[in-house]
Amino acid sequence: MSTFDHAGLMQSINENLSSFRKAQPDAMRGFSQLAQASMAEGVLSTKQKELIALAIGVTQRCSGCIGFHTKALHKLGATRAELEEMLSVCVYMGGGPALMYASEVLAAWDQLAPATA
């Protein structure tokens, strides 16, 4: 069982970037616009794009990316089966290091799952 705290990491990233957002509002607004335009529904669905973004986060070994994109996939109704199939491609393309981050994604998936009543 992983003890990595993705929720805490994402909160820390947001807090740490708060002053940067204020210091560089144009750059951060541009980044936000790029993200929104890139992830908008199109020929590919937003969910497919989030799966791609998470795959890139895995292969680039970015724990923050793993947290934010896993959370987004939950909101978009992705299934664990979709997540696992994407992770198998990551491992194929990224080998052993990607497998280690696939484990992190699975832990984040469980940790960030919406509470059910």
PDB file of N, CA and C in Angstrom:
ATOM      1  N   MET A   1       0.846  -1.189   0.000  1.00  0.00           N
ATOM      2  CA  MET A   1       0.000   0.000   0.000  1.00  0.00           C
ATOM      3  C   MET A   1       0.879   1.235   0.000  1.00  0.00           C
ATOM      4  N   SER A   2       0.630   2.113  -0.930  1.00  0.00           N
ATOM      5  CA  SER A   2       1.394   3.348  -1.039  1.00  0.00           C
ATOM      6  C   SER A   2       0.950   4.343   0.024  1.00  0.00           C
ATOM      7  N   THR A   3       1.906   5.071   0.567  1.00  0.00           N
ATOM      8  CA  THR A   3       1.580   6.125   1.523  1.00  0.00           C
ATOM      9  C   THR A   3       1.770   7.502   0.902  1.00  0.00           C
ATOM     10  N   PHE A   4       1.990   7.547  -0.410  1.00  0.00           N
ATOM     11  CA  PHE A   4       2.169   8.808  -1.108  1.00  0.00           C
ATOM     12  C   PHE A   4       0.872   9.603  -1.016  1.00  0.00           C
ATOM     13  N   ASP A   5       0.959  10.845  -0.641  1.00  0.00           N
ATOM     14  CA  ASP A   5      -0.218  11.694  -0.421  1.00  0.00           C
ATOM     15  C   ASP A   5      -0.443  12.615  -1.618  1.00  0.00           C
ATOM     16  N   HIS A   6      -1.170  12.135  -2.610  1.00  0.00           N
ATOM     17  CA  HIS A   6      -1.409  12.943  -3.815  1.00  0.00           C
ATOM     18  C   HIS A   6      -2.285  14.161  -3.515  1.00  0.00           C
ATOM     19  N   ALA A   7      -3.271  13.995  -2.652  1.00  0.00           N
ATOM     20  CA  ALA A   7      -4.126  15.140  -2.316  1.00  0.00           C
ATOM     21  C   ALA A   7      -3.286  16.237  -1.668  1.00  0.00           C
ATOM     22  N   GLY A   8      -2.413  15.858  -0.758  1.00  0.00           N
ATOM     23  CA  GLY A   8      -1.535  16.834  -0.112  1.00  0.00           C
ATOM     24  C   GLY A   8      -0.563  17.467  -1.095  1.00  0.00           C
ATOM     25  N   LEU A   9      -0.027  16.655  -2.016  1.00  0.00           N
ATOM     26  CA  LEU A   9       0.886  17.177  -3.029  1.00  0.00           C
ATOM     27  C   LEU A   9       0.190  18.218  -3.895  1.00  0.00           C
ATOM     28  N   MET A  10      -1.031  17.923  -4.341  1.00  0.00           N
ATOM     29  CA  MET A  10      -1.758  18.864  -5.193  1.00  0.00           C
ATOM     30  C   MET A  10      -2.061  20.153  -4.440  1.00  0.00           C
ATOM     31  N   GLN A  11      -2.427  20.048  -3.173  1.00  0.00           N
ATOM     32  CA  GLN A  11      -2.682  21.234  -2.359  1.00  0.00           C
ATOM     33  C   GLN A  11      -1.404  22.053  -2.219  1.00  0.00           C
ATOM     34  N   SER A  12      -0.301  21.383  -1.968  1.00  0.00           N
ATOM     35  CA  SER A  12       0.983  22.064  -1.831  1.00  0.00           C
ATOM     36  C   SER A  12       1.383  22.770  -3.130  1.00  0.00           C
ATOM     37  N   ILE A  13       1.202  22.100  -4.253  1.00  0.00           N
ATOM     38  CA  ILE A  13       1.518  22.718  -5.551  1.00  0.00           C
ATOM     39  C   ILE A  13       0.681  23.978  -5.749  1.00  0.00           C
ATOM     40  N   ASN A  14      -0.614  23.878  -5.487  1.00  0.00           N
ATOM     41  CA  ASN A  14      -1.484  25.049  -5.652  1.00  0.00           C
ATOM     42  C   ASN A  14      -1.062  26.189  -4.730  1.00  0.00           C
ATOM     43  N   GLU A  15      -0.726  25.863  -3.488  1.00  0.00           N
ATOM     44  CA  GLU A  15      -0.283  26.893  -2.546  1.00  0.00           C
ATOM     45  C   GLU A  15       1.045  27.500  -2.986  1.00  0.00           C
ATOM     46  N   ASN A  16       1.981  26.661  -3.400  1.00  0.00           N
ATOM     47  CA  ASN A  16       3.295  27.155  -3.812  1.00  0.00           C
ATOM     48  C   ASN A  16       3.214  28.031  -5.056  1.00  0.00           C
ATOM     49  N   LEU A  17       2.266  27.744  -5.926  1.00  0.00           N
ATOM     50  CA  LEU A  17       2.137  28.536  -7.158  1.00  0.00           C
ATOM     51  C   LEU A  17       1.297  29.791  -6.981  1.00  0.00           C
ATOM     52  N   SER A  18       0.697  29.953  -5.819  1.00  0.00           N
ATOM     53  CA  SER A  18      -0.165  31.113  -5.589  1.00  0.00           C
ATOM     54  C   SER A  18       0.573  32.421  -5.826  1.00  0.00           C
ATOM     55  N   SER A  19       1.741  32.570  -5.247  1.00  0.00           N
ATOM     56  CA  SER A  19       2.485  33.820  -5.425  1.00  0.00           C
ATOM     57  C   SER A  19       2.992  33.946  -6.869  1.00  0.00           C
ATOM     58  N   PHE A  20       3.301  32.836  -7.506  1.00  0.00           N
ATOM     59  CA  PHE A  20       3.742  32.867  -8.899  1.00  0.00           C
ATOM     60  C   PHE A  20       2.612  33.347  -9.804  1.00  0.00           C
ATOM     61  N   ARG A  21       1.390  32.885  -9.511  1.00  0.00           N
ATOM     62  CA  ARG A  21       0.228  33.341 -10.291  1.00  0.00           C
ATOM     63  C   ARG A  21       0.080  34.859 -10.200  1.00  0.00           C
ATOM     64  N   LYS A  22       0.334  35.397  -8.995  1.00  0.00           N
ATOM     65  CA  LYS A  22       0.221  36.843  -8.798  1.00  0.00           C
ATOM     66  C   LYS A  22       1.372  37.580  -9.472  1.00  0.00           C
ATOM     67  N   ALA A  23       2.561  37.009  -9.422  1.00  0.00           N
ATOM     68  CA  ALA A  23       3.741  37.657 -10.001  1.00  0.00           C
ATOM     69  C   ALA A  23       3.756  37.582 -11.527  1.00  0.00           C
ATOM     70  N   GLN A  24       3.186  36.519 -12.076  1.00  0.00           N
ATOM     71  CA  GLN A  24       3.203  36.286 -13.524  1.00  0.00           C
ATOM     72  C   GLN A  24       1.790  35.992 -14.033  1.00  0.00           C
ATOM     73  N   PRO A  25       0.874  36.928 -13.861  1.00  0.00           N
ATOM     74  CA  PRO A  25      -0.525  36.643 -14.224  1.00  0.00           C
ATOM     75  C   PRO A  25      -0.727  36.368 -15.710  1.00  0.00           C
ATOM     76  N   ASP A  26      -0.016  37.067 -16.567  1.00  0.00           N
ATOM     77  CA  ASP A  26      -0.196  36.854 -18.004  1.00  0.00           C
ATOM     78  C   ASP A  26       0.267  35.461 -18.412  1.00  0.00           C
ATOM     79  N   ALA A  27       1.414  35.053 -17.903  1.00  0.00           N
ATOM     80  CA  ALA A  27       1.938  33.716 -18.226  1.00  0.00           C
ATOM     81  C   ALA A  27       0.998  32.633 -17.699  1.00  0.00           C
ATOM     82  N   MET A  28       0.521  32.790 -16.474  1.00  0.00           N
ATOM     83  CA  MET A  28      -0.358  31.773 -15.897  1.00  0.00           C
ATOM     84  C   MET A  28      -1.723  31.761 -16.576  1.00  0.00           C
ATOM     85  N   ARG A  29      -2.201  32.937 -16.973  1.00  0.00           N
ATOM     86  CA  ARG A  29      -3.464  32.999 -17.717  1.00  0.00           C
ATOM     87  C   ARG A  29      -3.291  32.305 -19.076  1.00  0.00           C
ATOM     88  N   GLY A  30      -2.133  32.527 -19.698  1.00  0.00           N
ATOM     89  CA  GLY A  30      -1.837  31.859 -20.973  1.00  0.00           C
ATOM     90  C   GLY A  30      -1.771  30.353 -20.817  1.00  0.00           C
ATOM     91  N   PHE A  31      -1.139  29.886 -19.740  1.00  0.00           N
ATOM     92  CA  PHE A  31      -1.073  28.444 -19.489  1.00  0.00           C
ATOM     93  C   PHE A  31      -2.466  27.880 -19.281  1.00  0.00           C
ATOM     94  N   SER A  32      -3.285  28.592 -18.517  1.00  0.00           N
ATOM     95  CA  SER A  32      -4.657  28.137 -18.261  1.00  0.00           C
ATOM     96  C   SER A  32      -5.466  28.077 -19.560  1.00  0.00           C
ATOM     97  N   GLN A  33      -5.313  29.080 -20.406  1.00  0.00           N
ATOM     98  CA  GLN A  33      -6.028  29.087 -21.688  1.00  0.00           C
ATOM     99  C   GLN A  33      -5.563  27.937 -22.577  1.00  0.00           C
ATOM    100  N   LEU A  34      -4.265  27.667 -22.584  1.00  0.00           N
ATOM    101  CA  LEU A  34      -3.733  26.546 -23.353  1.00  0.00           C
ATOM    102  C   LEU A  34      -4.315  25.230 -22.845  1.00  0.00           C
ATOM    103  N   ALA A  35      -4.347  25.072 -21.531  1.00  0.00           N
ATOM    104  CA  ALA A  35      -4.897  23.844 -20.944  1.00  0.00           C
ATOM    105  C   ALA A  35      -6.366  23.677 -21.315  1.00  0.00           C
ATOM    106  N   GLN A  36      -7.146  24.741 -21.180  1.00  0.00           N
ATOM    107  CA  GLN A  36      -8.577  24.660 -21.489  1.00  0.00           C
ATOM    108  C   GLN A  36      -8.811  24.348 -22.960  1.00  0.00           C
ATOM    109  N   ALA A  37      -8.069  24.995 -23.833  1.00  0.00           N
ATOM    110  CA  ALA A  37      -8.239  24.754 -25.270  1.00  0.00           C
ATOM    111  C   ALA A  37      -7.804  23.340 -25.647  1.00  0.00           C
ATOM    112  N   SER A  38      -6.723  22.888 -25.060  1.00  0.00           N
ATOM    113  CA  SER A  38      -6.203  21.555 -25.378  1.00  0.00           C
ATOM    114  C   SER A  38      -7.124  20.451 -24.888  1.00  0.00           C
ATOM    115  N   MET A  39      -7.769  20.660 -23.757  1.00  0.00           N
ATOM    116  CA  MET A  39      -8.570  19.604 -23.144  1.00  0.00           C
ATOM    117  C   MET A  39     -10.048  19.674 -23.517  1.00  0.00           C
ATOM    118  N   ALA A  40     -10.432  20.655 -24.309  1.00  0.00           N
ATOM    119  CA  ALA A  40     -11.840  20.795 -24.702  1.00  0.00           C
ATOM    120  C   ALA A  40     -12.270  19.616 -25.574  1.00  0.00           C
ATOM    121  N   GLU A  41     -13.554  19.296 -25.514  1.00  0.00           N
ATOM    122  CA  GLU A  41     -14.114  18.258 -26.370  1.00  0.00           C
ATOM    123  C   GLU A  41     -13.825  18.595 -27.825  1.00  0.00           C
ATOM    124  N   GLY A  42     -13.483  17.603 -28.582  1.00  0.00           N
ATOM    125  CA  GLY A  42     -13.215  17.770 -30.003  1.00  0.00           C
ATOM    126  C   GLY A  42     -13.348  16.413 -30.658  1.00  0.00           C
ATOM    127  N   VAL A  43     -12.511  16.127 -31.616  1.00  0.00           N
ATOM    128  CA  VAL A  43     -12.509  14.800 -32.230  1.00  0.00           C
ATOM    129  C   VAL A  43     -12.197  13.767 -31.146  1.00  0.00           C
ATOM    130  N   LEU A  44     -11.279  14.125 -30.251  1.00  0.00           N
ATOM    131  CA  LEU A  44     -11.026  13.307 -29.067  1.00  0.00           C
ATOM    132  C   LEU A  44     -11.858  13.865 -27.923  1.00  0.00           C
ATOM    133  N   SER A  45     -12.388  12.980 -27.094  1.00  0.00           N
ATOM    134  CA  SER A  45     -13.154  13.436 -25.932  1.00  0.00           C
ATOM    135  C   SER A  45     -12.201  13.983 -24.870  1.00  0.00           C
ATOM    136  N   THR A  46     -12.748  14.765 -23.964  1.00  0.00           N
ATOM    137  CA  THR A  46     -11.950  15.276 -22.854  1.00  0.00           C
ATOM    138  C   THR A  46     -11.386  14.115 -22.040  1.00  0.00           C
ATOM    139  N   LYS A  47     -12.146  13.069 -21.865  1.00  0.00           N
ATOM    140  CA  LYS A  47     -11.656  11.912 -21.117  1.00  0.00           C
ATOM    141  C   LYS A  47     -10.468  11.269 -21.831  1.00  0.00           C
ATOM    142  N   GLN A  48     -10.549  11.118 -23.144  1.00  0.00           N
ATOM    143  CA  GLN A  48      -9.416  10.565 -23.883  1.00  0.00           C
ATOM    144  C   GLN A  48      -8.182  11.450 -23.737  1.00  0.00           C
ATOM    145  N   LYS A  49      -8.394  12.755 -23.789  1.00  0.00           N
ATOM    146  CA  LYS A  49      -7.280  13.689 -23.643  1.00  0.00           C
ATOM    147  C   LYS A  49      -6.671  13.616 -22.252  1.00  0.00           C
ATOM    148  N   GLU A  50      -7.498  13.434 -21.228  1.00  0.00           N
ATOM    149  CA  GLU A  50      -6.979  13.287 -19.857  1.00  0.00           C
ATOM    150  C   GLU A  50      -6.191  11.983 -19.720  1.00  0.00           C
ATOM    151  N   LEU A  51      -6.636  10.927 -20.377  1.00  0.00           N
ATOM    152  CA  LEU A  51      -5.871   9.673 -20.364  1.00  0.00           C
ATOM    153  C   LEU A  51      -4.505   9.877 -21.017  1.00  0.00           C
ATOM    154  N   ILE A  52      -4.473  10.626 -22.110  1.00  0.00           N
ATOM    155  CA  ILE A  52      -3.204  10.926 -22.775  1.00  0.00           C
ATOM    156  C   ILE A  52      -2.316  11.759 -21.858  1.00  0.00           C
ATOM    157  N   ALA A  53      -2.903  12.785 -21.242  1.00  0.00           N
ATOM    158  CA  ALA A  53      -2.128  13.645 -20.344  1.00  0.00           C
ATOM    159  C   ALA A  53      -1.557  12.845 -19.176  1.00  0.00           C
ATOM    160  N   LEU A  54      -2.352  11.946 -18.629  1.00  0.00           N
ATOM    161  CA  LEU A  54      -1.860  11.110 -17.529  1.00  0.00           C
ATOM    162  C   LEU A  54      -0.758  10.180 -18.006  1.00  0.00           C
ATOM    163  N   ALA A  55      -0.908   9.628 -19.204  1.00  0.00           N
ATOM    164  CA  ALA A  55       0.143   8.765 -19.752  1.00  0.00           C
ATOM    165  C   ALA A  55       1.449   9.540 -19.892  1.00  0.00           C
ATOM    166  N   ILE A  56       1.367  10.767 -20.342  1.00  0.00           N
ATOM    167  CA  ILE A  56       2.573  11.594 -20.447  1.00  0.00           C
ATOM    168  C   ILE A  56       3.142  11.860 -19.056  1.00  0.00           C
ATOM    169  N   GLY A  57       2.285  12.135 -18.083  1.00  0.00           N
ATOM    170  CA  GLY A  57       2.744  12.331 -16.708  1.00  0.00           C
ATOM    171  C   GLY A  57       3.474  11.118 -16.169  1.00  0.00           C
ATOM    172  N   VAL A  58       2.973   9.923 -16.487  1.00  0.00           N
ATOM    173  CA  VAL A  58       3.626   8.681 -16.045  1.00  0.00           C
ATOM    174  C   VAL A  58       4.999   8.558 -16.692  1.00  0.00           C
ATOM    175  N   THR A  59       5.057   8.717 -18.006  1.00  0.00           N
ATOM    176  CA  THR A  59       6.327   8.503 -18.699  1.00  0.00           C
ATOM    177  C   THR A  59       7.328   9.622 -18.441  1.00  0.00           C
ATOM    178  N   GLN A  60       6.837  10.794 -18.015  1.00  0.00           N
ATOM    179  CA  GLN A  60       7.741  11.894 -17.651  1.00  0.00           C
ATOM    180  C   GLN A  60       8.042  11.900 -16.148  1.00  0.00           C
ATOM    181  N   ARG A  61       7.444  10.966 -15.438  1.00  0.00           N
ATOM    182  CA  ARG A  61       7.678  10.776 -13.997  1.00  0.00           C
ATOM    183  C   ARG A  61       7.302  12.016 -13.185  1.00  0.00           C
ATOM    184  N   CYS A  62       6.083  12.488 -13.403  1.00  0.00           N
ATOM    185  CA  CYS A  62       5.590  13.706 -12.760  1.00  0.00           C
ATOM    186  C   CYS A  62       4.466  13.360 -11.779  1.00  0.00           C
ATOM    187  N   SER A  63       4.797  13.322 -10.497  1.00  0.00           N
ATOM    188  CA  SER A  63       3.804  12.967  -9.476  1.00  0.00           C
ATOM    189  C   SER A  63       2.667  13.976  -9.404  1.00  0.00           C
ATOM    190  N   GLY A  64       2.967  15.255  -9.569  1.00  0.00           N
ATOM    191  CA  GLY A  64       1.903  16.261  -9.577  1.00  0.00           C
ATOM    192  C   GLY A  64       0.935  16.035 -10.720  1.00  0.00           C
ATOM    193  N   CYS A  65       1.476  15.748 -11.905  1.00  0.00           N
ATOM    194  CA  CYS A  65       0.628  15.451 -13.066  1.00  0.00           C
ATOM    195  C   CYS A  65      -0.257  14.245 -12.782  1.00  0.00           C
ATOM    196  N   ILE A  66       0.322  13.242 -12.148  1.00  0.00           N
ATOM    197  CA  ILE A  66      -0.449  12.039 -11.820  1.00  0.00           C
ATOM    198  C   ILE A  66      -1.640  12.410 -10.946  1.00  0.00           C
ATOM    199  N   GLY A  67      -1.407  13.219  -9.926  1.00  0.00           N
ATOM    200  CA  GLY A  67      -2.503  13.606  -9.041  1.00  0.00           C
ATOM    201  C   GLY A  67      -3.590  14.387  -9.756  1.00  0.00           C
ATOM    202  N   PHE A  68      -3.202  15.451 -10.441  1.00  0.00           N
ATOM    203  CA  PHE A  68      -4.202  16.316 -11.079  1.00  0.00           C
ATOM    204  C   PHE A  68      -4.982  15.598 -12.183  1.00  0.00           C
ATOM    205  N   HIS A  69      -4.306  14.808 -13.008  1.00  0.00           N
ATOM    206  CA  HIS A  69      -5.011  14.150 -14.115  1.00  0.00           C
ATOM    207  C   HIS A  69      -5.814  12.943 -13.643  1.00  0.00           C
ATOM    208  N   THR A  70      -5.369  12.279 -12.593  1.00  0.00           N
ATOM    209  CA  THR A  70      -6.169  11.192 -12.022  1.00  0.00           C
ATOM    210  C   THR A  70      -7.460  11.748 -11.434  1.00  0.00           C
ATOM    211  N   LYS A  71      -7.345  12.857 -10.726  1.00  0.00           N
ATOM    212  CA  LYS A  71      -8.537  13.499 -10.164  1.00  0.00           C
ATOM    213  C   LYS A  71      -9.504  13.901 -11.280  1.00  0.00           C
ATOM    214  N   ALA A  72      -8.964  14.470 -12.359  1.00  0.00           N
ATOM    215  CA  ALA A  72      -9.811  14.877 -13.489  1.00  0.00           C
ATOM    216  C   ALA A  72     -10.509  13.666 -14.105  1.00  0.00           C
ATOM    217  N   LEU A  73      -9.790  12.548 -14.212  1.00  0.00           N
ATOM    218  CA  LEU A  73     -10.393  11.346 -14.794  1.00  0.00           C
ATOM    219  C   LEU A  73     -11.534  10.816 -13.938  1.00  0.00           C
ATOM    220  N   HIS A  74     -11.400  10.903 -12.635  1.00  0.00           N
ATOM    221  CA  HIS A  74     -12.525  10.525 -11.762  1.00  0.00           C
ATOM    222  C   HIS A  74     -13.735  11.394 -12.082  1.00  0.00           C
ATOM    223  N   LYS A  75     -13.526  12.711 -12.175  1.00  0.00           N
ATOM    224  CA  LYS A  75     -14.633  13.638 -12.451  1.00  0.00           C
ATOM    225  C   LYS A  75     -15.290  13.354 -13.794  1.00  0.00           C
ATOM    226  N   LEU A  76     -14.497  12.859 -14.751  1.00  0.00           N
ATOM    227  CA  LEU A  76     -15.017  12.578 -16.092  1.00  0.00           C
ATOM    228  C   LEU A  76     -15.645  11.189 -16.214  1.00  0.00           C
ATOM    229  N   GLY A  77     -15.648  10.445 -15.127  1.00  0.00           N
ATOM    230  CA  GLY A  77     -16.290   9.137 -15.139  1.00  0.00           C
ATOM    231  C   GLY A  77     -15.461   8.020 -15.743  1.00  0.00           C
ATOM    232  N   ALA A  78     -14.151   8.209 -15.790  1.00  0.00           N
ATOM    233  CA  ALA A  78     -13.293   7.129 -16.301  1.00  0.00           C
ATOM    234  C   ALA A  78     -13.403   5.921 -15.373  1.00  0.00           C
ATOM    235  N   THR A  79     -13.190   4.765 -15.949  1.00  0.00           N
ATOM    236  CA  THR A  79     -13.230   3.536 -15.158  1.00  0.00           C
ATOM    237  C   THR A  79     -11.812   3.073 -14.841  1.00  0.00           C
ATOM    238  N   ARG A  80     -11.714   2.237 -13.838  1.00  0.00           N
ATOM    239  CA  ARG A  80     -10.412   1.667 -13.504  1.00  0.00           C
ATOM    240  C   ARG A  80      -9.891   0.836 -14.677  1.00  0.00           C
ATOM    241  N   ALA A  81     -10.788   0.162 -15.387  1.00  0.00           N
ATOM    242  CA  ALA A  81     -10.371  -0.645 -16.538  1.00  0.00           C
ATOM    243  C   ALA A  81      -9.737   0.245 -17.616  1.00  0.00           C
ATOM    244  N   GLU A  82     -10.315   1.412 -17.883  1.00  0.00           N
ATOM    245  CA  GLU A  82      -9.726   2.343 -18.849  1.00  0.00           C
ATOM    246  C   GLU A  82      -8.353   2.802 -18.372  1.00  0.00           C
ATOM    247  N   LEU A  83      -8.266   3.110 -17.090  1.00  0.00           N
ATOM    248  CA  LEU A  83      -7.003   3.544 -16.505  1.00  0.00           C
ATOM    249  C   LEU A  83      -5.939   2.457 -16.643  1.00  0.00           C
ATOM    250  N   GLU A  84      -6.294   1.238 -16.302  1.00  0.00           N
ATOM    251  CA  GLU A  84      -5.329   0.137 -16.360  1.00  0.00           C
ATOM    252  C   GLU A  84      -4.878  -0.159 -17.780  1.00  0.00           C
ATOM    253  N   GLU A  85      -5.792  -0.043 -18.742  1.00  0.00           N
ATOM    254  CA  GLU A  85      -5.407  -0.272 -20.132  1.00  0.00           C
ATOM    255  C   GLU A  85      -4.426   0.803 -20.608  1.00  0.00           C
ATOM    256  N   MET A  86      -4.684   2.060 -20.225  1.00  0.00           N
ATOM    257  CA  MET A  86      -3.756   3.135 -20.554  1.00  0.00           C
ATOM    258  C   MET A  86      -2.406   2.881 -19.908  1.00  0.00           C
ATOM    259  N   LEU A  87      -2.409   2.427 -18.658  1.00  0.00           N
ATOM    260  CA  LEU A  87      -1.149   2.160 -17.956  1.00  0.00           C
ATOM    261  C   LEU A  87      -0.353   1.042 -18.624  1.00  0.00           C
ATOM    262  N   SER A  88      -1.047   0.070 -19.206  1.00  0.00           N
ATOM    263  CA  SER A  88      -0.311  -1.002 -19.893  1.00  0.00           C
ATOM    264  C   SER A  88       0.455  -0.444 -21.090  1.00  0.00           C
ATOM    265  N   VAL A  89      -0.104   0.552 -21.772  1.00  0.00           N
ATOM    266  CA  VAL A  89       0.606   1.194 -22.880  1.00  0.00           C
ATOM    267  C   VAL A  89       1.799   1.979 -22.335  1.00  0.00           C
ATOM    268  N   CYS A  90       1.617   2.644 -21.195  1.00  0.00           N
ATOM    269  CA  CYS A  90       2.727   3.377 -20.572  1.00  0.00           C
ATOM    270  C   CYS A  90       3.886   2.439 -20.260  1.00  0.00           C
ATOM    271  N   VAL A  91       3.573   1.278 -19.711  1.00  0.00           N
ATOM    272  CA  VAL A  91       4.625   0.326 -19.358  1.00  0.00           C
ATOM    273  C   VAL A  91       5.294  -0.201 -20.619  1.00  0.00           C
ATOM    274  N   TYR A  92       4.511  -0.464 -21.650  1.00  0.00           N
ATOM    275  CA  TYR A  92       5.072  -0.901 -22.927  1.00  0.00           C
ATOM    276  C   TYR A  92       6.062   0.130 -23.456  1.00  0.00           C
ATOM    277  N   MET A  93       5.675   1.386 -23.424  1.00  0.00           N
ATOM    278  CA  MET A  93       6.514   2.439 -23.996  1.00  0.00           C
ATOM    279  C   MET A  93       7.618   2.913 -23.047  1.00  0.00           C
ATOM    280  N   GLY A  94       7.388   2.793 -21.736  1.00  0.00           N
ATOM    281  CA  GLY A  94       8.335   3.359 -20.772  1.00  0.00           C
ATOM    282  C   GLY A  94       9.094   2.365 -19.922  1.00  0.00           C
ATOM    283  N   GLY A  95       8.792   1.080 -20.064  1.00  0.00           N
ATOM    284  CA  GLY A  95       9.530   0.053 -19.334  1.00  0.00           C
ATOM    285  C   GLY A  95       9.349   0.109 -17.824  1.00  0.00           C
ATOM    286  N   GLY A  96      10.381  -0.359 -17.148  1.00  0.00           N
ATOM    287  CA  GLY A  96      10.349  -0.474 -15.691  1.00  0.00           C
ATOM    288  C   GLY A  96      10.042   0.826 -14.964  1.00  0.00           C
ATOM    289  N   PRO A  97      10.670   1.959 -15.341  1.00  0.00           N
ATOM    290  CA  PRO A  97      10.324   3.200 -14.647  1.00  0.00           C
ATOM    291  C   PRO A  97       8.837   3.549 -14.770  1.00  0.00           C
ATOM    292  N   ALA A  98       8.262   3.320 -15.936  1.00  0.00           N
ATOM    293  CA  ALA A  98       6.829   3.588 -16.103  1.00  0.00           C
ATOM    294  C   ALA A  98       6.000   2.645 -15.234  1.00  0.00           C
ATOM    295  N   LEU A  99       6.461   1.426 -15.047  1.00  0.00           N
ATOM    296  CA  LEU A  99       5.753   0.484 -14.182  1.00  0.00           C
ATOM    297  C   LEU A  99       5.716   1.001 -12.746  1.00  0.00           C
ATOM    298  N   MET A 100       6.819   1.602 -12.287  1.00  0.00           N
ATOM    299  CA  MET A 100       6.852   2.141 -10.927  1.00  0.00           C
ATOM    300  C   MET A 100       5.849   3.284 -10.789  1.00  0.00           C
ATOM    301  N   TYR A 101       5.745   4.123 -11.800  1.00  0.00           N
ATOM    302  CA  TYR A 101       4.787   5.227 -11.752  1.00  0.00           C
ATOM    303  C   TYR A 101       3.358   4.738 -12.008  1.00  0.00           C
ATOM    304  N   ALA A 102       3.199   3.626 -12.711  1.00  0.00           N
ATOM    305  CA  ALA A 102       1.862   3.025 -12.852  1.00  0.00           C
ATOM    306  C   ALA A 102       1.337   2.634 -11.482  1.00  0.00           C
ATOM    307  N   SER A 103       2.221   2.111 -10.647  1.00  0.00           N
ATOM    308  CA  SER A 103       1.836   1.771  -9.278  1.00  0.00           C
ATOM    309  C   SER A 103       1.369   3.017  -8.529  1.00  0.00           C
ATOM    310  N   GLU A 104       2.080   4.114  -8.751  1.00  0.00           N
ATOM    311  CA  GLU A 104       1.696   5.377  -8.106  1.00  0.00           C
ATOM    312  C   GLU A 104       0.324   5.838  -8.589  1.00  0.00           C
ATOM    313  N   VAL A 105       0.052   5.674  -9.879  1.00  0.00           N
ATOM    314  CA  VAL A 105      -1.259   6.057 -10.427  1.00  0.00           C
ATOM    315  C   VAL A 105      -2.361   5.230  -9.783  1.00  0.00           C
ATOM    316  N   LEU A 106      -2.141   3.942  -9.653  1.00  0.00           N
ATOM    317  CA  LEU A 106      -3.169   3.085  -9.050  1.00  0.00           C
ATOM    318  C   LEU A 106      -3.453   3.493  -7.607  1.00  0.00           C
ATOM    319  N   ALA A 107      -2.404   3.855  -6.874  1.00  0.00           N
ATOM    320  CA  ALA A 107      -2.597   4.334  -5.505  1.00  0.00           C
ATOM    321  C   ALA A 107      -3.361   5.659  -5.508  1.00  0.00           C
ATOM    322  N   ALA A 108      -3.001   6.559  -6.427  1.00  0.00           N
ATOM    323  CA  ALA A 108      -3.699   7.846  -6.527  1.00  0.00           C
ATOM    324  C   ALA A 108      -5.162   7.632  -6.901  1.00  0.00           C
ATOM    325  N   TRP A 109      -5.416   6.696  -7.802  1.00  0.00           N
ATOM    326  CA  TRP A 109      -6.796   6.391  -8.227  1.00  0.00           C
ATOM    327  C   TRP A 109      -7.642   6.042  -7.000  1.00  0.00           C
ATOM    328  N   ASP A 110      -7.102   5.180  -6.163  1.00  0.00           N
ATOM    329  CA  ASP A 110      -7.848   4.772  -4.975  1.00  0.00           C
ATOM    330  C   ASP A 110      -7.954   5.919  -3.969  1.00  0.00           C
ATOM    331  N   GLN A 111      -6.869   6.652  -3.779  1.00  0.00           N
ATOM    332  CA  GLN A 111      -6.849   7.733  -2.798  1.00  0.00           C
ATOM    333  C   GLN A 111      -7.783   8.873  -3.186  1.00  0.00           C
ATOM    334  N   LEU A 112      -7.854   9.181  -4.459  1.00  0.00           N
ATOM    335  CA  LEU A 112      -8.619  10.341  -4.910  1.00  0.00           C
ATOM    336  C   LEU A 112     -10.038   9.999  -5.351  1.00  0.00           C
ATOM    337  N   ALA A 113     -10.430   8.753  -5.171  1.00  0.00           N
ATOM    338  CA  ALA A 113     -11.787   8.342  -5.557  1.00  0.00           C
ATOM    339  C   ALA A 113     -12.817   9.161  -4.773  1.00  0.00           C
ATOM    340  N   PRO A 114     -13.836   9.621  -5.460  1.00  0.00           N
ATOM    341  CA  PRO A 114     -14.882  10.375  -4.744  1.00  0.00           C
ATOM    342  C   PRO A 114     -15.512   9.495  -3.679  1.00  0.00           C
ATOM    343  N   ALA A 115     -15.825  10.117  -2.569  1.00  0.00           N
ATOM    344  CA  ALA A 115     -16.497   9.389  -1.490  1.00  0.00           C
ATOM    345  C   ALA A 115     -17.889   8.960  -1.953  1.00  0.00           C
ATOM    346  N   THR A 116     -18.236   7.746  -1.624  1.00  0.00           N
ATOM    347  CA  THR A 116     -19.578   7.255  -1.978  1.00  0.00           C
ATOM    348  C   THR A 116     -20.405   7.122  -0.709  1.00  0.00           C
ATOM    349  N   ALA A 117     -21.669   7.403  -0.866  1.00  0.00           N
ATOM    350  CA  ALA A 117     -22.576   7.368   0.310  1.00  0.00           C
ATOM    351  C   ALA A 117     -23.069   5.976   0.574  1.00  0.00           C
TER     352      ALA A 117
END
